[in-house]
Structure formats: C-alpha cells, structure tokens
N, C-alpha and C. Protein backbone atom coordinates (compact mmCIF):
# COMPACT_ATOMS: atom_id res chain seq x y z
N MET A 1 -22.65 -104.01 -84.93
CA MET A 1 -21.45 -104.82 -84.77
C MET A 1 -21.88 -106.22 -84.33
N ARG A 2 -21.40 -107.22 -85.02
CA ARG A 2 -21.73 -108.61 -84.71
C ARG A 2 -20.52 -109.29 -84.08
N THR A 3 -20.76 -110.02 -83.00
CA THR A 3 -19.70 -110.77 -82.32
C THR A 3 -19.96 -112.25 -82.46
N MET A 4 -18.95 -112.98 -82.92
CA MET A 4 -19.02 -114.44 -83.02
C MET A 4 -18.24 -115.01 -81.83
N ALA A 5 -18.85 -115.94 -81.13
CA ALA A 5 -18.20 -116.54 -79.96
C ALA A 5 -17.53 -117.85 -80.35
N TYR A 6 -16.31 -118.04 -79.92
CA TYR A 6 -15.56 -119.26 -80.17
C TYR A 6 -14.90 -119.71 -78.86
N ARG A 7 -14.67 -120.99 -78.74
CA ARG A 7 -13.86 -121.56 -77.66
C ARG A 7 -13.03 -122.65 -78.31
N LYS A 8 -12.11 -122.27 -79.20
CA LYS A 8 -11.34 -123.29 -79.91
C LYS A 8 -9.88 -122.89 -79.99
N LEU A 9 -9.04 -123.89 -79.94
CA LEU A 9 -7.61 -123.71 -80.09
C LEU A 9 -7.32 -123.38 -81.55
N VAL A 10 -6.54 -122.33 -81.77
CA VAL A 10 -6.21 -121.93 -83.14
C VAL A 10 -4.70 -121.83 -83.31
N ARG A 11 -4.27 -121.83 -84.55
CA ARG A 11 -2.85 -121.67 -84.86
C ARG A 11 -2.35 -120.31 -84.38
N ASP A 12 -1.06 -120.22 -84.13
CA ASP A 12 -0.44 -119.05 -83.50
C ASP A 12 -0.68 -117.73 -84.25
N ARG A 13 -0.76 -117.77 -85.57
CA ARG A 13 -0.88 -116.53 -86.33
C ARG A 13 -2.33 -116.12 -86.62
N ILE A 14 -3.30 -116.93 -86.19
CA ILE A 14 -4.70 -116.62 -86.48
C ILE A 14 -5.13 -115.25 -85.92
N PRO A 15 -4.78 -114.89 -84.68
CA PRO A 15 -5.18 -113.56 -84.21
C PRO A 15 -4.66 -112.42 -85.09
N GLU A 16 -3.41 -112.50 -85.51
CA GLU A 16 -2.87 -111.43 -86.36
C GLU A 16 -3.52 -111.43 -87.74
N ILE A 17 -3.89 -112.59 -88.25
CA ILE A 17 -4.57 -112.66 -89.54
C ILE A 17 -5.97 -112.04 -89.42
N ILE A 18 -6.64 -112.31 -88.32
CA ILE A 18 -7.96 -111.70 -88.09
C ILE A 18 -7.83 -110.18 -88.00
N GLU A 19 -6.85 -109.70 -87.22
CA GLU A 19 -6.64 -108.26 -87.07
C GLU A 19 -6.29 -107.60 -88.41
N ALA A 20 -5.48 -108.28 -89.22
CA ALA A 20 -5.08 -107.73 -90.53
C ALA A 20 -6.27 -107.61 -91.48
N SER A 21 -7.32 -108.39 -91.22
CA SER A 21 -8.51 -108.31 -92.07
C SER A 21 -9.45 -107.19 -91.65
N GLY A 22 -9.05 -106.42 -90.61
CA GLY A 22 -9.86 -105.31 -90.15
C GLY A 22 -10.81 -105.66 -89.02
N LYS A 23 -10.78 -106.89 -88.56
CA LYS A 23 -11.63 -107.32 -87.45
C LYS A 23 -10.82 -107.28 -86.16
N ARG A 24 -11.51 -107.39 -85.04
CA ARG A 24 -10.85 -107.50 -83.75
C ARG A 24 -11.18 -108.87 -83.17
N CYS A 25 -10.30 -109.37 -82.32
CA CYS A 25 -10.57 -110.65 -81.68
C CYS A 25 -10.10 -110.61 -80.24
N SER A 26 -10.64 -111.50 -79.44
CA SER A 26 -10.19 -111.64 -78.05
C SER A 26 -9.66 -113.06 -77.89
N CYS A 27 -8.62 -113.18 -77.11
CA CYS A 27 -7.94 -114.46 -76.93
C CYS A 27 -7.51 -114.60 -75.47
N GLU A 28 -7.17 -115.80 -75.08
CA GLU A 28 -6.56 -116.03 -73.78
C GLU A 28 -5.46 -117.07 -73.94
N ILE A 29 -4.51 -117.05 -73.06
CA ILE A 29 -3.43 -118.03 -73.06
C ILE A 29 -3.81 -119.13 -72.07
N LEU A 30 -3.75 -120.37 -72.53
CA LEU A 30 -4.19 -121.51 -71.74
C LEU A 30 -3.13 -121.99 -70.75
N THR A 31 -3.58 -122.54 -69.65
CA THR A 31 -2.67 -123.24 -68.74
C THR A 31 -2.21 -124.53 -69.44
N GLU A 32 -1.18 -125.15 -68.92
CA GLU A 32 -0.69 -126.40 -69.51
C GLU A 32 -1.77 -127.47 -69.57
N ASP A 33 -2.50 -127.66 -68.45
CA ASP A 33 -3.55 -128.69 -68.41
C ASP A 33 -4.65 -128.39 -69.41
N ARG A 34 -5.08 -127.16 -69.46
CA ARG A 34 -6.15 -126.77 -70.39
C ARG A 34 -5.68 -126.89 -71.84
N TYR A 35 -4.41 -126.53 -72.08
CA TYR A 35 -3.83 -126.65 -73.41
C TYR A 35 -3.86 -128.10 -73.88
N LEU A 36 -3.45 -129.04 -73.02
CA LEU A 36 -3.48 -130.46 -73.38
C LEU A 36 -4.91 -130.92 -73.67
N ASP A 37 -5.85 -130.46 -72.87
CA ASP A 37 -7.26 -130.79 -73.09
C ASP A 37 -7.73 -130.27 -74.45
N MET A 38 -7.39 -129.03 -74.75
CA MET A 38 -7.82 -128.42 -76.02
C MET A 38 -7.10 -129.07 -77.21
N LEU A 39 -5.86 -129.49 -77.03
CA LEU A 39 -5.16 -130.22 -78.09
C LEU A 39 -5.87 -131.54 -78.39
N ASP A 40 -6.31 -132.23 -77.35
CA ASP A 40 -7.05 -133.48 -77.55
C ASP A 40 -8.34 -133.22 -78.34
N ARG A 41 -9.03 -132.15 -78.01
CA ARG A 41 -10.24 -131.78 -78.76
C ARG A 41 -9.90 -131.44 -80.21
N LYS A 42 -8.77 -130.74 -80.39
CA LYS A 42 -8.35 -130.35 -81.74
C LYS A 42 -8.01 -131.58 -82.57
N LEU A 43 -7.41 -132.59 -81.95
CA LEU A 43 -7.14 -133.85 -82.65
C LEU A 43 -8.44 -134.45 -83.18
N GLU A 44 -9.45 -134.49 -82.34
CA GLU A 44 -10.74 -135.03 -82.75
C GLU A 44 -11.34 -134.21 -83.89
N GLU A 45 -11.26 -132.89 -83.77
CA GLU A 45 -11.80 -131.99 -84.80
C GLU A 45 -11.10 -132.21 -86.14
N GLU A 46 -9.77 -132.22 -86.12
CA GLU A 46 -9.02 -132.37 -87.35
C GLU A 46 -9.21 -133.75 -87.97
N LEU A 47 -9.30 -134.79 -87.13
CA LEU A 47 -9.56 -136.13 -87.64
C LEU A 47 -10.92 -136.19 -88.33
N ALA A 48 -11.93 -135.60 -87.70
CA ALA A 48 -13.27 -135.58 -88.30
C ALA A 48 -13.26 -134.84 -89.63
N GLU A 49 -12.54 -133.73 -89.70
CA GLU A 49 -12.46 -132.96 -90.94
C GLU A 49 -11.76 -133.78 -92.04
N TYR A 50 -10.69 -134.48 -91.66
CA TYR A 50 -10.02 -135.33 -92.65
C TYR A 50 -10.94 -136.46 -93.11
N GLN A 51 -11.61 -137.11 -92.17
CA GLN A 51 -12.48 -138.23 -92.53
C GLN A 51 -13.60 -137.78 -93.47
N GLU A 52 -14.06 -136.57 -93.30
CA GLU A 52 -15.11 -136.06 -94.18
C GLU A 52 -14.58 -135.71 -95.56
N SER A 53 -13.43 -135.05 -95.62
CA SER A 53 -12.93 -134.52 -96.90
C SER A 53 -11.91 -135.42 -97.60
N LYS A 54 -11.16 -136.21 -96.83
CA LYS A 54 -10.05 -137.02 -97.35
C LYS A 54 -8.97 -136.16 -98.02
N SER A 55 -8.91 -134.87 -97.67
CA SER A 55 -7.94 -133.98 -98.31
C SER A 55 -6.58 -134.03 -97.61
N MET A 56 -5.53 -133.86 -98.38
CA MET A 56 -4.18 -133.85 -97.83
C MET A 56 -3.97 -132.62 -96.95
N GLU A 57 -4.69 -131.53 -97.21
CA GLU A 57 -4.60 -130.34 -96.37
C GLU A 57 -5.10 -130.65 -94.96
N GLU A 58 -6.20 -131.37 -94.86
CA GLU A 58 -6.72 -131.74 -93.54
C GLU A 58 -5.80 -132.76 -92.86
N LEU A 59 -5.19 -133.64 -93.63
CA LEU A 59 -4.23 -134.59 -93.07
C LEU A 59 -3.01 -133.83 -92.53
N ALA A 60 -2.58 -132.79 -93.24
CA ALA A 60 -1.47 -131.95 -92.77
C ALA A 60 -1.84 -131.23 -91.47
N ASP A 61 -3.09 -130.76 -91.37
CA ASP A 61 -3.55 -130.13 -90.13
C ASP A 61 -3.49 -131.12 -88.98
N LEU A 62 -3.90 -132.34 -89.23
CA LEU A 62 -3.86 -133.39 -88.21
C LEU A 62 -2.42 -133.63 -87.76
N LEU A 63 -1.49 -133.68 -88.69
CA LEU A 63 -0.08 -133.87 -88.36
C LEU A 63 0.45 -132.70 -87.53
N GLU A 64 0.03 -131.48 -87.85
CA GLU A 64 0.47 -130.32 -87.08
C GLU A 64 0.00 -130.42 -85.63
N VAL A 65 -1.22 -130.89 -85.42
CA VAL A 65 -1.73 -131.05 -84.05
C VAL A 65 -0.97 -132.17 -83.34
N ILE A 66 -0.66 -133.24 -84.05
CA ILE A 66 0.12 -134.33 -83.46
C ILE A 66 1.49 -133.81 -83.01
N ARG A 67 2.12 -132.99 -83.83
CA ARG A 67 3.41 -132.39 -83.46
C ARG A 67 3.27 -131.56 -82.18
N ALA A 68 2.18 -130.78 -82.10
CA ALA A 68 1.96 -129.94 -80.93
C ALA A 68 1.72 -130.79 -79.67
N VAL A 69 0.97 -131.87 -79.82
CA VAL A 69 0.71 -132.77 -78.69
C VAL A 69 2.03 -133.38 -78.20
N ALA A 70 2.83 -133.86 -79.13
CA ALA A 70 4.12 -134.46 -78.77
C ALA A 70 4.98 -133.45 -78.00
N SER A 71 5.07 -132.24 -78.52
CA SER A 71 5.86 -131.20 -77.86
C SER A 71 5.31 -130.86 -76.47
N ALA A 72 3.99 -130.72 -76.38
CA ALA A 72 3.37 -130.37 -75.09
C ALA A 72 3.56 -131.47 -74.06
N ARG A 73 3.76 -132.69 -74.52
CA ARG A 73 3.96 -133.82 -73.61
C ARG A 73 5.45 -134.15 -73.44
N GLY A 74 6.32 -133.22 -73.88
CA GLY A 74 7.75 -133.37 -73.66
C GLY A 74 8.44 -134.30 -74.64
N SER A 75 7.84 -134.53 -75.78
CA SER A 75 8.41 -135.42 -76.77
C SER A 75 8.61 -134.64 -78.07
N SER A 76 8.75 -135.37 -79.17
CA SER A 76 8.93 -134.73 -80.47
C SER A 76 8.39 -135.64 -81.56
N ILE A 77 8.20 -135.07 -82.72
CA ILE A 77 7.76 -135.86 -83.86
C ILE A 77 8.85 -136.88 -84.23
N GLY A 78 10.11 -136.53 -83.97
CA GLY A 78 11.21 -137.47 -84.21
C GLY A 78 11.12 -138.70 -83.33
N GLU A 79 10.79 -138.49 -82.06
CA GLU A 79 10.63 -139.63 -81.15
C GLU A 79 9.44 -140.48 -81.56
N ILE A 80 8.36 -139.83 -81.95
CA ILE A 80 7.18 -140.58 -82.41
C ILE A 80 7.53 -141.39 -83.64
N GLU A 81 8.28 -140.81 -84.55
CA GLU A 81 8.68 -141.52 -85.77
C GLU A 81 9.57 -142.71 -85.42
N MET A 82 10.45 -142.57 -84.44
CA MET A 82 11.30 -143.66 -84.01
C MET A 82 10.45 -144.82 -83.45
N ILE A 83 9.47 -144.48 -82.62
CA ILE A 83 8.58 -145.50 -82.06
C ILE A 83 7.78 -146.17 -83.17
N ARG A 84 7.29 -145.35 -84.12
CA ARG A 84 6.55 -145.90 -85.25
C ARG A 84 7.39 -146.88 -86.04
N ALA A 85 8.66 -146.53 -86.31
CA ALA A 85 9.56 -147.39 -87.07
C ALA A 85 9.83 -148.70 -86.33
N GLN A 86 10.00 -148.62 -85.01
CA GLN A 86 10.21 -149.83 -84.20
C GLN A 86 9.00 -150.75 -84.28
N LYS A 87 7.81 -150.18 -84.18
CA LYS A 87 6.58 -150.97 -84.26
C LYS A 87 6.42 -151.58 -85.66
N GLU A 88 6.78 -150.82 -86.68
CA GLU A 88 6.69 -151.35 -88.04
C GLU A 88 7.65 -152.53 -88.21
N LYS A 89 8.85 -152.40 -87.67
CA LYS A 89 9.83 -153.49 -87.78
C LYS A 89 9.34 -154.74 -87.05
N ALA A 90 8.76 -154.55 -85.87
CA ALA A 90 8.32 -155.68 -85.06
C ALA A 90 7.00 -156.29 -85.54
N ARG A 91 6.08 -155.46 -86.01
CA ARG A 91 4.73 -155.92 -86.32
C ARG A 91 4.29 -155.68 -87.76
N GLY A 92 5.12 -154.93 -88.50
CA GLY A 92 4.77 -154.61 -89.88
C GLY A 92 4.00 -153.30 -89.96
N GLY A 93 3.74 -152.91 -91.20
CA GLY A 93 2.96 -151.68 -91.44
C GLY A 93 1.55 -152.06 -91.87
N PHE A 94 1.01 -151.32 -92.82
CA PHE A 94 -0.33 -151.59 -93.31
C PHE A 94 -0.37 -151.73 -94.83
N ALA A 95 0.79 -151.88 -95.45
CA ALA A 95 0.89 -151.91 -96.91
C ALA A 95 0.19 -153.12 -97.54
N LYS A 96 0.11 -154.22 -96.83
CA LYS A 96 -0.48 -155.44 -97.40
C LYS A 96 -2.01 -155.45 -97.33
N ARG A 97 -2.60 -154.43 -96.71
CA ARG A 97 -4.07 -154.27 -96.66
C ARG A 97 -4.78 -155.48 -96.05
N ILE A 98 -4.24 -156.04 -94.99
CA ILE A 98 -4.79 -157.25 -94.36
C ILE A 98 -5.94 -156.89 -93.43
N LEU A 99 -7.07 -157.56 -93.62
CA LEU A 99 -8.22 -157.42 -92.72
C LEU A 99 -8.35 -158.72 -91.94
N LEU A 100 -8.11 -158.68 -90.64
CA LEU A 100 -8.24 -159.85 -89.78
C LEU A 100 -9.73 -160.12 -89.57
N THR A 101 -10.16 -161.33 -89.88
CA THR A 101 -11.57 -161.67 -89.76
C THR A 101 -11.89 -162.64 -88.65
N GLY A 102 -10.87 -163.23 -88.05
CA GLY A 102 -11.11 -164.14 -86.94
C GLY A 102 -9.82 -164.82 -86.51
N VAL A 103 -9.84 -165.40 -85.31
CA VAL A 103 -8.73 -166.16 -84.77
C VAL A 103 -9.31 -167.41 -84.12
N ILE A 104 -8.75 -168.57 -84.45
CA ILE A 104 -9.21 -169.83 -83.87
C ILE A 104 -8.15 -170.33 -82.91
N GLU A 105 -8.55 -170.56 -81.68
CA GLU A 105 -7.64 -171.09 -80.68
C GLU A 105 -7.85 -172.60 -80.60
N PRO A 106 -6.78 -173.38 -80.83
CA PRO A 106 -6.90 -174.83 -80.75
C PRO A 106 -7.38 -175.30 -79.38
N GLY A 107 -8.30 -176.24 -79.37
CA GLY A 107 -8.76 -176.84 -78.12
C GLY A 107 -9.75 -175.99 -77.36
N LYS A 108 -10.14 -174.86 -77.88
CA LYS A 108 -11.11 -174.01 -77.19
C LYS A 108 -12.37 -173.93 -78.03
N GLU A 109 -13.49 -174.13 -77.42
CA GLU A 109 -14.78 -174.12 -78.12
C GLU A 109 -15.62 -172.98 -77.64
C-alpha cells in the first residue's frame, strides 16, 4: 500500500471523488485563519498554473479561488465586481494595451 502525502487545499468534492475511485484519503477541517492562509497559497498555485498553460480551465480555477477568498473575508464576487467597475470608470480598463514607459515631471532633474 502506497501513501501519498499532501498539505493542500482542495475543492469540496475531492474527498468523495477519491473515495469513489476506490482509494482512501485523510482530511482535516481548517480554522478560519489557516483557511485564509491556505487560500492565499491556492491563489499563488492557480495563478502559476494559469501562467504556465494559459488555459481557460486554469483561469476558471483562479476565479473559483477568488470567489472563496471574497466569501471567507466577508465579501462576495458581486462586491468585487462593483469595485472593479468603479475602478474601470475612474481609471479605465486594459483594452487599449497601453504600456507606460516613463513620466517626466516638469522642473525636476
């Protein structure tokens, strides 16, 4: 019998999927503080996976973790979208593909 060790946050149905495949798994329920810490790690993991693959599936995983972070911090994806829309209205989006290369301040050398 081979045991694989993990210390990673997984989606809610992963334990039942593992069990349905004939394997056994061990899990623990995280405290709020530990959960937030593991969500932050999961954000980094999912971002790295997206950056490597550029796949929409990995981007969807990243969005799912963002939703979980918002909820764990007492917010929602709706509130985040509202903030995003306000920032877009005030500062614009990224559609024009502008790369800032420098800023010159008059009278300063």
